[in-house]
PDB file of N, CA and C in Angstrom:
ATOM      1  N   MET A   1       6.464 -61.227 -62.545  1.00  0.00           N
ATOM      2  CA  MET A   1       6.214 -60.512 -61.105  1.00  0.00           C
ATOM      3  C   MET A   1       7.831 -60.367 -60.916  1.00  0.00           C
ATOM      4  N   LYS A   2       8.488 -61.536 -60.795  1.00  0.00           N
ATOM      5  CA  LYS A   2       9.763 -61.144 -59.828  1.00  0.00           C
ATOM      6  C   LYS A   2      10.924 -60.775 -60.353  1.00  0.00           C
ATOM      7  N   LYS A   3      10.957 -60.966 -61.765  1.00  0.00           N
ATOM      8  CA  LYS A   3      11.208 -60.206 -62.630  1.00  0.00           C
ATOM      9  C   LYS A   3      11.618 -58.514 -62.477  1.00  0.00           C
ATOM     10  N   PHE A   4      10.436 -57.810 -62.301  1.00  0.00           N
ATOM     11  CA  PHE A   4       9.751 -56.362 -62.086  1.00  0.00           C
ATOM     12  C   PHE A   4      10.672 -56.349 -60.656  1.00  0.00           C
ATOM     13  N   ALA A   5      10.228 -57.174 -59.966  1.00  0.00           N
ATOM     14  CA  ALA A   5      10.797 -56.603 -58.296  1.00  0.00           C
ATOM     15  C   ALA A   5      12.346 -56.700 -58.913  1.00  0.00           C
ATOM     16  N   ILE A   6      12.885 -57.525 -58.974  1.00  0.00           N
ATOM     17  CA  ILE A   6      14.266 -57.414 -59.157  1.00  0.00           C
ATOM     18  C   ILE A   6      15.318 -56.192 -59.905  1.00  0.00           C
ATOM     19  N   ALA A   7      14.019 -55.721 -61.079  1.00  0.00           N
ATOM     20  CA  ALA A   7      14.519 -54.527 -61.680  1.00  0.00           C
ATOM     21  C   ALA A   7      14.217 -52.973 -61.052  1.00  0.00           C
ATOM     22  N   ALA A   8      13.482 -53.427 -60.167  1.00  0.00           N
ATOM     23  CA  ALA A   8      12.946 -52.648 -59.720  1.00  0.00           C
ATOM     24  C   ALA A   8      14.007 -52.029 -58.274  1.00  0.00           C
ATOM     25  N   ALA A   9      14.004 -53.130 -57.782  1.00  0.00           N
ATOM     26  CA  ALA A   9      15.446 -53.075 -56.447  1.00  0.00           C
ATOM     27  C   ALA A   9      17.140 -52.326 -57.343  1.00  0.00           C
ATOM     28  N   THR A  10      17.206 -52.666 -58.581  1.00  0.00           N
ATOM     29  CA  THR A  10      17.797 -52.603 -59.166  1.00  0.00           C
ATOM     30  C   THR A  10      18.093 -51.203 -59.544  1.00  0.00           C
ATOM     31  N   ALA A  11      16.990 -50.904 -60.030  1.00  0.00           N
ATOM     32  CA  ALA A  11      16.852 -49.278 -60.106  1.00  0.00           C
ATOM     33  C   ALA A  11      17.258 -48.456 -59.285  1.00  0.00           C
ATOM     34  N   THR A  12      16.608 -48.623 -58.046  1.00  0.00           N
ATOM     35  CA  THR A  12      16.442 -48.267 -56.665  1.00  0.00           C
ATOM     36  C   THR A  12      18.077 -48.126 -56.437  1.00  0.00           C
ATOM     37  N   ALA A  13      19.041 -49.124 -55.967  1.00  0.00           N
ATOM     38  CA  ALA A  13      20.253 -49.187 -56.102  1.00  0.00           C
ATOM     39  C   ALA A  13      20.642 -48.430 -56.515  1.00  0.00           C
ATOM     40  N   LEU A  14      21.152 -48.395 -58.179  1.00  0.00           N
ATOM     41  CA  LEU A  14      21.790 -47.541 -59.114  1.00  0.00           C
ATOM     42  C   LEU A  14      21.619 -45.995 -58.944  1.00  0.00           C
ATOM     43  N   THR A  15      20.094 -45.934 -58.485  1.00  0.00           N
ATOM     44  CA  THR A  15      19.692 -44.273 -58.213  1.00  0.00           C
ATOM     45  C   THR A  15      20.230 -43.922 -56.869  1.00  0.00           C
ATOM     46  N   LEU A  16      20.185 -44.597 -55.715  1.00  0.00           N
ATOM     47  CA  LEU A  16      20.499 -44.410 -54.670  1.00  0.00           C
ATOM     48  C   LEU A  16      22.412 -43.927 -54.840  1.00  0.00           C
ATOM     49  N   THR A  17      23.011 -45.167 -55.361  1.00  0.00           N
ATOM     50  CA  THR A  17      24.711 -45.188 -55.731  1.00  0.00           C
ATOM     51  C   THR A  17      25.006 -43.853 -56.352  1.00  0.00           C
ATOM     52  N   MET A  18      24.302 -43.538 -57.289  1.00  0.00           N
ATOM     53  CA  MET A  18      24.700 -42.263 -58.482  1.00  0.00           C
ATOM     54  C   MET A  18      24.045 -40.959 -57.784  1.00  0.00           C
ATOM     55  N   ALA A  19      23.341 -41.169 -56.564  1.00  0.00           N
ATOM     56  CA  ALA A  19      22.817 -40.036 -55.761  1.00  0.00           C
ATOM     57  C   ALA A  19      24.125 -39.901 -54.958  1.00  0.00           C
ATOM     58  N   ASN A  20      24.578 -40.671 -54.653  1.00  0.00           N
ATOM     59  CA  ASN A  20      25.400 -40.959 -53.525  1.00  0.00           C
ATOM     60  C   ASN A  20      26.801 -40.019 -54.316  1.00  0.00           C
ATOM     61  N   VAL A  21      26.933 -40.409 -55.194  1.00  0.00           N
ATOM     62  CA  VAL A  21      28.086 -39.890 -55.954  1.00  0.00           C
ATOM     63  C   VAL A  21      27.933 -38.475 -56.089  1.00  0.00           C
ATOM     64  N   ALA A  22      26.971 -38.447 -56.685  1.00  0.00           N
ATOM     65  CA  ALA A  22      26.759 -36.638 -56.956  1.00  0.00           C
ATOM     66  C   ALA A  22      26.385 -35.872 -55.497  1.00  0.00           C
ATOM     67  N   PHE A  23      26.099 -36.223 -54.630  1.00  0.00           N
ATOM     68  CA  PHE A  23      26.180 -35.553 -53.295  1.00  0.00           C
ATOM     69  C   PHE A  23      27.812 -35.395 -53.192  1.00  0.00           C
ATOM     70  N   ALA A  24      28.014 -36.400 -53.102  1.00  0.00           N
ATOM     71  CA  ALA A  24      29.931 -36.393 -52.558  1.00  0.00           C
ATOM     72  C   ALA A  24      30.676 -35.518 -53.580  1.00  0.00           C
ATOM     73  N   GLN A  25      30.369 -35.405 -54.461  1.00  0.00           N
ATOM     74  CA  GLN A  25      31.433 -34.594 -55.759  1.00  0.00           C
ATOM     75  C   GLN A  25      30.711 -33.274 -55.065  1.00  0.00           C
ATOM     76  N   THR A  26      29.793 -33.129 -55.102  1.00  0.00           N
ATOM     77  CA  THR A  26      29.205 -31.210 -54.963  1.00  0.00           C
ATOM     78  C   THR A  26      29.730 -30.940 -53.256  1.00  0.00           C
ATOM     79  N   SER A  27      29.758 -31.867 -52.687  1.00  0.00           N
ATOM     80  CA  SER A  27      29.690 -31.500 -51.055  1.00  0.00           C
ATOM     81  C   SER A  27      31.021 -31.310 -50.437  1.00  0.00           C
ATOM     82  N   GLN A  28      31.757 -31.418 -51.503  1.00  0.00           N
ATOM     83  CA  GLN A  28      33.451 -31.378 -51.077  1.00  0.00           C
ATOM     84  C   GLN A  28      34.181 -30.112 -51.742  1.00  0.00           C
ATOM     85  N   ALA A  29      33.558 -29.458 -52.965  1.00  0.00           N
ATOM     86  CA  ALA A  29      33.241 -28.111 -53.332  1.00  0.00           C
ATOM     87  C   ALA A  29      33.493 -27.042 -52.344  1.00  0.00           C
ATOM     88  N   PRO A  30      32.396 -26.928 -51.364  1.00  0.00           N
ATOM     89  CA  PRO A  30      32.318 -26.060 -50.540  1.00  0.00           C
ATOM     90  C   PRO A  30      33.339 -26.297 -49.390  1.00  0.00           C
ATOM     91  N   MET A  31      33.686 -27.482 -49.374  1.00  0.00           N
ATOM     92  CA  MET A  31      34.103 -27.421 -48.247  1.00  0.00           C
ATOM     93  C   MET A  31      36.085 -27.171 -48.447  1.00  0.00           C
ATOM     94  N   VAL A  32      36.149 -27.289 -49.850  1.00  0.00           N
ATOM     95  CA  VAL A  32      37.399 -26.720 -49.874  1.00  0.00           C
ATOM     96  C   VAL A  32      37.585 -25.100 -49.937  1.00  0.00           C
ATOM     97  N   VAL A  33      36.345 -24.754 -50.491  1.00  0.00           N
ATOM     98  CA  VAL A  33      36.460 -23.231 -50.422  1.00  0.00           C
ATOM     99  C   VAL A  33      36.496 -22.694 -49.281  1.00  0.00           C
ATOM    100  N   ALA A  34      35.538 -22.860 -48.681  1.00  0.00           N
ATOM    101  CA  ALA A  34      35.523 -22.608 -46.790  1.00  0.00           C
ATOM    102  C   ALA A  34      36.763 -22.893 -46.210  1.00  0.00           C
ATOM    103  N   ALA A  35      37.304 -23.690 -46.540  1.00  0.00           N
ATOM    104  CA  ALA A  35      38.608 -23.934 -45.987  1.00  0.00           C
ATOM    105  C   ALA A  35      39.691 -22.505 -46.630  1.00  0.00           C
ATOM    106  N   GLY A  36      39.835 -22.393 -47.734  1.00  0.00           N
ATOM    107  CA  GLY A  36      40.200 -21.502 -47.940  1.00  0.00           C
ATOM    108  C   GLY A  36      40.287 -20.130 -47.206  1.00  0.00           C
ATOM    109  N   GLU A  37      38.789 -20.269 -47.261  1.00  0.00           N
ATOM    110  CA  GLU A  37      38.572 -18.543 -46.446  1.00  0.00           C
ATOM    111  C   GLU A  37      38.655 -18.678 -44.577  1.00  0.00           C
ATOM    112  N   VAL A  38      38.267 -19.772 -44.259  1.00  0.00           N
ATOM    113  CA  VAL A  38      39.556 -19.704 -42.776  1.00  0.00           C
ATOM    114  C   VAL A  38      40.589 -19.488 -43.009  1.00  0.00           C
ATOM    115  N   THR A  39      41.664 -20.051 -43.928  1.00  0.00           N
ATOM    116  CA  THR A  39      43.036 -19.387 -43.801  1.00  0.00           C
ATOM    117  C   THR A  39      42.840 -18.115 -44.030  1.00  0.00           C
ATOM    118  N   LYS A  40      42.343 -17.599 -44.629  1.00  0.00           N
ATOM    119  CA  LYS A  40      41.887 -16.079 -44.923  1.00  0.00           C
ATOM    120  C   LYS A  40      41.657 -15.259 -43.649  1.00  0.00           C
ATOM    121  N   ALA A  41      40.699 -15.921 -42.924  1.00  0.00           N
ATOM    122  CA  ALA A  41      40.239 -15.366 -42.000  1.00  0.00           C
ATOM    123  C   ALA A  41      41.702 -15.219 -40.706  1.00  0.00           C
ATOM    124  N   LYS A  42      41.948 -16.450 -40.304  1.00  0.00           N
ATOM    125  CA  LYS A  42      43.202 -16.639 -39.629  1.00  0.00           C
ATOM    126  C   LYS A  42      44.450 -15.520 -40.100  1.00  0.00           C
ATOM    127  N   GLU A  43      44.907 -15.440 -41.248  1.00  0.00           N
ATOM    128  CA  GLU A  43      45.624 -14.575 -41.712  1.00  0.00           C
ATOM    129  C   GLU A  43      45.477 -13.210 -41.204  1.00  0.00           C
ATOM    130  N   ALA A  44      44.166 -12.599 -41.784  1.00  0.00           N
ATOM    131  CA  ALA A  44      43.461 -11.433 -41.417  1.00  0.00           C
ATOM    132  C   ALA A  44      43.485 -11.122 -39.645  1.00  0.00           C
ATOM    133  N   THR A  45      42.841 -12.377 -38.838  1.00  0.00           N
ATOM    134  CA  THR A  45      43.125 -11.766 -37.436  1.00  0.00           C
ATOM    135  C   THR A  45      44.965 -12.236 -37.146  1.00  0.00           C
ATOM    136  N   SER A  46      45.207 -12.439 -37.500  1.00  0.00           N
ATOM    137  CA  SER A  46      46.766 -12.491 -37.053  1.00  0.00           C
ATOM    138  C   SER A  46      47.345 -11.155 -37.620  1.00  0.00           C
ATOM    139  N   ASP A  47      46.770 -10.536 -38.615  1.00  0.00           N
ATOM    140  CA  ASP A  47      47.797  -9.360 -39.190  1.00  0.00           C
ATOM    141  C   ASP A  47      46.642  -8.350 -38.194  1.00  0.00           C
ATOM    142  N   THR A  48      45.905  -8.565 -37.975  1.00  0.00           N
ATOM    143  CA  THR A  48      45.068  -7.334 -36.898  1.00  0.00           C
ATOM    144  C   THR A  48      45.711  -7.176 -35.803  1.00  0.00           C
ATOM    145  N   TRP A  49      45.644  -8.672 -34.976  1.00  0.00           N
ATOM    146  CA  TRP A  49      46.797  -9.048 -33.875  1.00  0.00           C
ATOM    147  C   TRP A  49      47.563  -8.138 -33.680  1.00  0.00           C
ATOM    148  N   ILE A  50      48.737  -8.390 -34.790  1.00  0.00           N
ATOM    149  CA  ILE A  50      50.042  -7.936 -34.909  1.00  0.00           C
ATOM    150  C   ILE A  50      50.132  -6.335 -35.430  1.00  0.00           C
ATOM    151  N   THR A  51      48.948  -5.911 -35.568  1.00  0.00           N
ATOM    152  CA  THR A  51      49.374  -4.721 -35.998  1.00  0.00           C
ATOM    153  C   THR A  51      48.579  -3.827 -34.452  1.00  0.00           C
ATOM    154  N   THR A  52      48.144  -4.287 -33.537  1.00  0.00           N
ATOM    155  CA  THR A  52      47.553  -3.647 -32.435  1.00  0.00           C
ATOM    156  C   THR A  52      48.458  -3.866 -31.633  1.00  0.00           C
ATOM    157  N   LYS A  53      48.872  -5.327 -31.432  1.00  0.00           N
ATOM    158  CA  LYS A  53      50.221  -5.389 -30.430  1.00  0.00           C
ATOM    159  C   LYS A  53      51.267  -4.126 -30.887  1.00  0.00           C
ATOM    160  N   VAL A  54      51.935  -3.774 -32.394  1.00  0.00           N
ATOM    161  CA  VAL A  54      53.001  -3.367 -32.670  1.00  0.00           C
ATOM    162  C   VAL A  54      52.505  -1.796 -31.619  1.00  0.00           C
ATOM    163  N   LYS A  55      51.382  -1.495 -32.455  1.00  0.00           N
ATOM    164  CA  LYS A  55      50.722  -0.037 -32.452  1.00  0.00           C
ATOM    165  C   LYS A  55      50.612   0.304 -30.522  1.00  0.00           C
ATOM    166  N   SER A  56      50.416  -0.734 -29.688  1.00  0.00           N
ATOM    167  CA  SER A  56      50.592  -0.889 -28.066  1.00  0.00           C
ATOM    168  C   SER A  56      51.880  -0.817 -27.853  1.00  0.00           C
ATOM    169  N   ASP A  57      52.599  -1.365 -28.044  1.00  0.00           N
ATOM    170  CA  ASP A  57      54.249  -1.185 -28.038  1.00  0.00           C
ATOM    171  C   ASP A  57      54.925  -0.143 -27.693  1.00  0.00           C
ATOM    172  N   LEU A  58      54.701   0.498 -29.222  1.00  0.00           N
ATOM    173  CA  LEU A  58      55.174   1.564 -29.605  1.00  0.00           C
ATOM    174  C   LEU A  58      54.479   3.060 -28.656  1.00  0.00           C
ATOM    175  N   VAL A  59      52.973   2.776 -28.286  1.00  0.00           N
ATOM    176  CA  VAL A  59      52.811   3.868 -27.984  1.00  0.00           C
ATOM    177  C   VAL A  59      52.833   4.286 -26.446  1.00  0.00           C
ATOM    178  N   THR A  60      53.650   2.706 -25.810  1.00  0.00           N
ATOM    179  CA  THR A  60      54.035   2.665 -24.144  1.00  0.00           C
ATOM    180  C   THR A  60      55.501   2.892 -24.203  1.00  0.00           C
ATOM    181  N   GLU A  61      56.205   2.854 -25.308  1.00  0.00           N
ATOM    182  CA  GLU A  61      57.330   3.054 -25.107  1.00  0.00           C
ATOM    183  C   GLU A  61      58.049   4.463 -24.772  1.00  0.00           C
ATOM    184  N   LYS A  62      58.733   4.800 -23.950  1.00  0.00           N
ATOM    185  CA  LYS A  62      58.896   6.453 -23.774  1.00  0.00           C
ATOM    186  C   LYS A  62      59.964   6.751 -24.600  1.00  0.00           C
ATOM    187  N   GLY A  63      59.853   8.168 -25.021  1.00  0.00           N
ATOM    188  CA  GLY A  63      60.564   8.698 -26.010  1.00  0.00           C
ATOM    189  C   GLY A  63      60.741   8.404 -27.789  1.00  0.00           C
ATOM    190  N   ILE A  64      59.433   7.290 -28.155  1.00  0.00           N
ATOM    191  CA  ILE A  64      59.050   7.289 -29.327  1.00  0.00           C
ATOM    192  C   ILE A  64      57.492   7.566 -29.607  1.00  0.00           C
ATOM    193  N   PRO A  65      57.435   9.037 -30.342  1.00  0.00           N
ATOM    194  CA  PRO A  65      56.336   8.833 -31.057  1.00  0.00           C
ATOM    195  C   PRO A  65      54.773   8.240 -31.271  1.00  0.00           C
ATOM    196  N   GLY A  66      54.541   6.564 -30.358  1.00  0.00           N
ATOM    197  CA  GLY A  66      54.337   6.451 -31.322  1.00  0.00           C
ATOM    198  C   GLY A  66      52.227   6.909 -31.809  1.00  0.00           C
ATOM    199  N   THR A  67      51.824   7.200 -31.119  1.00  0.00           N
ATOM    200  CA  THR A  67      50.789   7.873 -31.421  1.00  0.00           C
ATOM    201  C   THR A  67      51.118   8.680 -32.943  1.00  0.00           C
ATOM    202  N   ASP A  68      52.033   8.886 -33.145  1.00  0.00           N
ATOM    203  CA  ASP A  68      52.535   9.393 -34.633  1.00  0.00           C
ATOM    204  C   ASP A  68      52.762   8.581 -36.147  1.00  0.00           C
ATOM    205  N   ILE A  69      52.656   7.023 -35.014  1.00  0.00           N
ATOM    206  CA  ILE A  69      53.398   6.068 -36.413  1.00  0.00           C
ATOM    207  C   ILE A  69      52.213   5.361 -36.935  1.00  0.00           C
ATOM    208  N   LYS A  70      51.887   5.050 -37.928  1.00  0.00           N
ATOM    209  CA  LYS A  70      51.048   4.222 -38.880  1.00  0.00           C
ATOM    210  C   LYS A  70      51.733   3.223 -38.922  1.00  0.00           C
ATOM    211  N   VAL A  71      50.824   2.165 -38.397  1.00  0.00           N
ATOM    212  CA  VAL A  71      51.301   0.833 -38.335  1.00  0.00           C
ATOM    213  C   VAL A  71      49.901  -0.541 -39.250  1.00  0.00           C
ATOM    214  N   GLU A  72      51.120  -0.830 -40.471  1.00  0.00           N
ATOM    215  CA  GLU A  72      49.726  -1.788 -41.054  1.00  0.00           C
ATOM    216  C   GLU A  72      50.569  -3.152 -41.613  1.00  0.00           C
ATOM    217  N   THR A  73      49.622  -4.291 -41.205  1.00  0.00           N
ATOM    218  CA  THR A  73      50.464  -5.383 -41.304  1.00  0.00           C
ATOM    219  C   THR A  73      49.474  -6.242 -42.534  1.00  0.00           C
ATOM    220  N   ASN A  74      50.862  -6.325 -43.300  1.00  0.00           N
ATOM    221  CA  ASN A  74      49.884  -8.055 -44.659  1.00  0.00           C
ATOM    222  C   ASN A  74      50.559  -8.618 -44.763  1.00  0.00           C
ATOM    223  N   LYS A  75      49.829 -10.161 -43.894  1.00  0.00           N
ATOM    224  CA  LYS A  75      50.539 -11.608 -43.811  1.00  0.00           C
ATOM    225  C   LYS A  75      51.740 -11.766 -43.606  1.00  0.00           C
ATOM    226  N   GLY A  76      52.114 -10.714 -42.519  1.00  0.00           N
ATOM    227  CA  GLY A  76      53.227 -10.837 -41.365  1.00  0.00           C
ATOM    228  C   GLY A  76      54.247  -9.796 -41.340  1.00  0.00           C
ATOM    229  N   VAL A  77      54.083  -9.031 -42.574  1.00  0.00           N
ATOM    230  CA  VAL A  77      55.349  -8.237 -43.000  1.00  0.00           C
ATOM    231  C   VAL A  77      54.343  -6.504 -42.558  1.00  0.00           C
ATOM    232  N   VAL A  78      55.401  -5.910 -41.676  1.00  0.00           N
ATOM    233  CA  VAL A  78      54.940  -5.211 -41.145  1.00  0.00           C
ATOM    234  C   VAL A  78      55.343  -3.399 -41.614  1.00  0.00           C
ATOM    235  N   SER A  79      54.700  -2.593 -41.890  1.00  0.00           N
ATOM    236  CA  SER A  79      54.765  -1.239 -42.449  1.00  0.00           C
ATOM    237  C   SER A  79      55.218   0.040 -41.306  1.00  0.00           C
ATOM    238  N   LEU A  80      55.800   0.708 -41.189  1.00  0.00           N
ATOM    239  CA  LEU A  80      55.812   1.716 -40.308  1.00  0.00           C
ATOM    240  C   LEU A  80      55.825   2.965 -40.808  1.00  0.00           C
ATOM    241  N   SER A  81      55.008   3.513 -40.442  1.00  0.00           N
ATOM    242  CA  SER A  81      55.391   5.124 -41.262  1.00  0.00           C
ATOM    243  C   SER A  81      54.609   6.636 -40.364  1.00  0.00           C
ATOM    244  N   SER A  82      54.657   7.216 -40.873  1.00  0.00           N
ATOM    245  CA  SER A  82      54.510   8.516 -40.341  1.00  0.00           C
ATOM    246  C   SER A  82      54.880   9.455 -40.950  1.00  0.00           C
ATOM    247  N   THR A  83      54.156  10.505 -40.521  1.00  0.00           N
ATOM    248  CA  THR A  83      54.528  11.971 -41.025  1.00  0.00           C
ATOM    249  C   THR A  83      55.226  12.969 -40.321  1.00  0.00           C
ATOM    250  N   VAL A  84      55.284  13.030 -39.181  1.00  0.00           N
ATOM    251  CA  VAL A  84      56.117  13.401 -38.123  1.00  0.00           C
ATOM    252  C   VAL A  84      57.297  12.566 -38.244  1.00  0.00           C
ATOM    253  N   ALA A  85      58.412  13.601 -38.281  1.00  0.00           N
ATOM    254  CA  ALA A  85      60.127  13.389 -38.626  1.00  0.00           C
ATOM    255  C   ALA A  85      60.285  12.815 -36.686  1.00  0.00           C
ATOM    256  N   VAL A  86      61.284  11.769 -36.996  1.00  0.00           N
ATOM    257  CA  VAL A  86      61.589  10.821 -36.040  1.00  0.00           C
ATOM    258  C   VAL A  86      63.335  10.777 -35.896  1.00  0.00           C
ATOM    259  N   THR A  87      63.733  10.657 -35.359  1.00  0.00           N
ATOM    260  CA  THR A  87      64.911  10.368 -35.137  1.00  0.00           C
ATOM    261  C   THR A  87      65.732   9.161 -35.294  1.00  0.00           C
ATOM    262  N   ASP A  88      67.230   8.802 -36.042  1.00  0.00           N
ATOM    263  CA  ASP A  88      67.106   7.448 -36.494  1.00  0.00           C
ATOM    264  C   ASP A  88      67.171   6.622 -35.194  1.00  0.00           C
ATOM    265  N   ALA A  89      67.377   6.752 -33.877  1.00  0.00           N
ATOM    266  CA  ALA A  89      67.667   5.866 -32.677  1.00  0.00           C
ATOM    267  C   ALA A  89      66.348   5.895 -32.841  1.00  0.00           C
ATOM    268  N   GLN A  90      65.020   6.890 -32.795  1.00  0.00           N
ATOM    269  CA  GLN A  90      64.168   6.401 -32.531  1.00  0.00           C
ATOM    270  C   GLN A  90      63.047   5.320 -33.635  1.00  0.00           C
ATOM    271  N   LYS A  91      63.392   5.941 -35.182  1.00  0.00           N
ATOM    272  CA  LYS A  91      63.262   4.518 -35.833  1.00  0.00           C
ATOM    273  C   LYS A  91      63.814   3.412 -35.918  1.00  0.00           C
ATOM    274  N   ALA A  92      64.943   3.205 -35.340  1.00  0.00           N
ATOM    275  CA  ALA A  92      66.067   1.861 -35.051  1.00  0.00           C
ATOM    276  C   ALA A  92      65.164   1.442 -33.684  1.00  0.00           C
ATOM    277  N   THR A  93      64.817   2.041 -33.074  1.00  0.00           N
ATOM    278  CA  THR A  93      63.974   1.439 -31.965  1.00  0.00           C
ATOM    279  C   THR A  93      62.439   0.940 -31.943  1.00  0.00           C
ATOM    280  N   ALA A  94      62.232   2.052 -32.921  1.00  0.00           N
ATOM    281  CA  ALA A  94      60.302   0.951 -33.650  1.00  0.00           C
ATOM    282  C   ALA A  94      60.711  -0.258 -34.563  1.00  0.00           C
ATOM    283  N   VAL A  95      61.964  -0.013 -34.882  1.00  0.00           N
ATOM    284  CA  VAL A  95      61.509  -1.343 -35.884  1.00  0.00           C
ATOM    285  C   VAL A  95      62.436  -2.821 -34.784  1.00  0.00           C
ATOM    286  N   ALA A  96      63.342  -2.340 -33.727  1.00  0.00           N
ATOM    287  CA  ALA A  96      63.716  -3.278 -32.922  1.00  0.00           C
ATOM    288  C   ALA A  96      62.045  -3.982 -32.131  1.00  0.00           C
ATOM    289  N   ILE A  97      61.612  -2.952 -31.676  1.00  0.00           N
ATOM    290  CA  ILE A  97      60.564  -3.334 -31.280  1.00  0.00           C
ATOM    291  C   ILE A  97      59.392  -4.279 -31.985  1.00  0.00           C
ATOM    292  N   THR A  98      59.247  -3.719 -32.978  1.00  0.00           N
ATOM    293  CA  THR A  98      58.156  -4.505 -33.845  1.00  0.00           C
ATOM    294  C   THR A  98      58.796  -5.787 -34.171  1.00  0.00           C
ATOM    295  N   LYS A  99      60.023  -5.715 -34.372  1.00  0.00           N
ATOM    296  CA  LYS A  99      60.255  -7.343 -34.676  1.00  0.00           C
ATOM    297  C   LYS A  99      60.457  -8.200 -33.416  1.00  0.00           C
ATOM    298  N   LYS A 100      60.413  -8.012 -32.236  1.00  0.00           N
ATOM    299  CA  LYS A 100      60.180  -8.585 -31.194  1.00  0.00           C
ATOM    300  C   LYS A 100      58.848  -9.615 -30.962  1.00  0.00           C
ATOM    301  N   ILE A 101      57.715  -8.852 -31.895  1.00  0.00           N
ATOM    302  CA  ILE A 101      56.837  -9.108 -31.505  1.00  0.00           C
ATOM    303  C   ILE A 101      56.336 -10.853 -32.592  1.00  0.00           C
ATOM    304  N   LYS A 102      55.112 -11.655 -31.695  1.00  0.00           N
ATOM    305  CA  LYS A 102      55.095 -13.091 -32.731  1.00  0.00           C
ATOM    306  C   LYS A 102      54.799 -12.634 -33.457  1.00  0.00           C
ATOM    307  N   GLY A 103      54.647 -13.208 -34.714  1.00  0.00           N
ATOM    308  CA  GLY A 103      54.126 -13.449 -36.066  1.00  0.00           C
ATOM    309  C   GLY A 103      55.121 -12.564 -37.232  1.00  0.00           C
ATOM    310  N   VAL A 104      55.617 -11.244 -36.404  1.00  0.00           N
ATOM    311  CA  VAL A 104      56.315 -10.530 -37.422  1.00  0.00           C
ATOM    312  C   VAL A 104      56.882 -11.270 -38.085  1.00  0.00           C
ATOM    313  N   LYS A 105      57.125 -11.221 -40.111  1.00  0.00           N
ATOM    314  CA  LYS A 105      57.719 -11.996 -40.593  1.00  0.00           C
ATOM    315  C   LYS A 105      59.230 -10.797 -41.003  1.00  0.00           C
ATOM    316  N   ALA A 106      58.693  -9.346 -41.458  1.00  0.00           N
ATOM    317  CA  ALA A 106      59.452  -8.761 -41.628  1.00  0.00           C
ATOM    318  C   ALA A 106      59.212  -7.329 -41.278  1.00  0.00           C
ATOM    319  N   VAL A 107      59.961  -6.128 -40.983  1.00  0.00           N
ATOM    320  CA  VAL A 107      59.724  -5.075 -40.998  1.00  0.00           C
ATOM    321  C   VAL A 107      59.826  -3.439 -42.278  1.00  0.00           C
ATOM    322  N   SER A 108      59.195  -3.641 -42.482  1.00  0.00           N
ATOM    323  CA  SER A 108      59.703  -1.860 -43.215  1.00  0.00           C
ATOM    324  C   SER A 108      59.013  -0.367 -42.729  1.00  0.00           C
ATOM    325  N   ALA A 109      60.081   0.103 -42.467  1.00  0.00           N
ATOM    326  CA  ALA A 109      60.314   1.292 -41.783  1.00  0.00           C
ATOM    327  C   ALA A 109      60.411   2.653 -42.453  1.00  0.00           C
ATOM    328  N   ASP A 110      60.461   2.256 -44.022  1.00  0.00           N
ATOM    329  CA  ASP A 110      60.898   2.775 -45.097  1.00  0.00           C
ATOM    330  C   ASP A 110      60.022   4.546 -45.188  1.00  0.00           C
ATOM    331  N   GLY A 111      58.807   4.495 -44.452  1.00  0.00           N
ATOM    332  CA  GLY A 111      58.036   5.313 -44.686  1.00  0.00           C
ATOM    333  C   GLY A 111      58.147   6.300 -43.001  1.00  0.00           C
ATOM    334  N   LEU A 112      59.202   5.845 -42.178  1.00  0.00           N
ATOM    335  CA  LEU A 112      59.424   6.697 -41.051  1.00  0.00           C
ATOM    336  C   LEU A 112      60.167   7.789 -41.581  1.00  0.00           C
ATOM    337  N   LYS A 113      60.300   9.319 -41.483  1.00  0.00           N
ATOM    338  CA  LYS A 113      60.378   9.968 -42.182  1.00  0.00           C
ATOM    339  C   LYS A 113      61.683  10.242 -40.735  1.00  0.00           C
ATOM    340  N   ALA A 114      63.084   9.795 -41.199  1.00  0.00           N
ATOM    341  CA  ALA A 114      64.014  10.092 -39.867  1.00  0.00           C
ATOM    342  C   ALA A 114      65.015  12.141 -40.047  1.00  0.00           C
ATOM    343  N   GLU A 115      64.969  12.527 -38.877  1.00  0.00           N
ATOM    344  CA  GLU A 115      65.858  13.686 -39.412  1.00  0.00           C
ATOM    345  C   GLU A 115      67.263  13.535 -39.405  1.00  0.00           C
TER     346      GLU A 115
END
């Protein structure tokens, strides 16, 4: 009887240990995936914030056709474009305003058609 109790206790201990190891292995993978998704969400939020800030600054700047300038941001790189022609001075001002925004890594104004 004593041998049976020892064997049962050992089997239970081994089962619990193996279950904990299996649980630990499976619970870490979702955490890693979730961390990657959080990073993507932060980047998307940051890009959205940058786009909104650039657009609002361009709209409020006198002499800039801010409502006609399309702003897109991808990982901190802002692209400015427009179907309406702008002067070289307006293009330079739009780029300068955009570069001052926190989080902007680079500005591409190739899509702004200068007169």
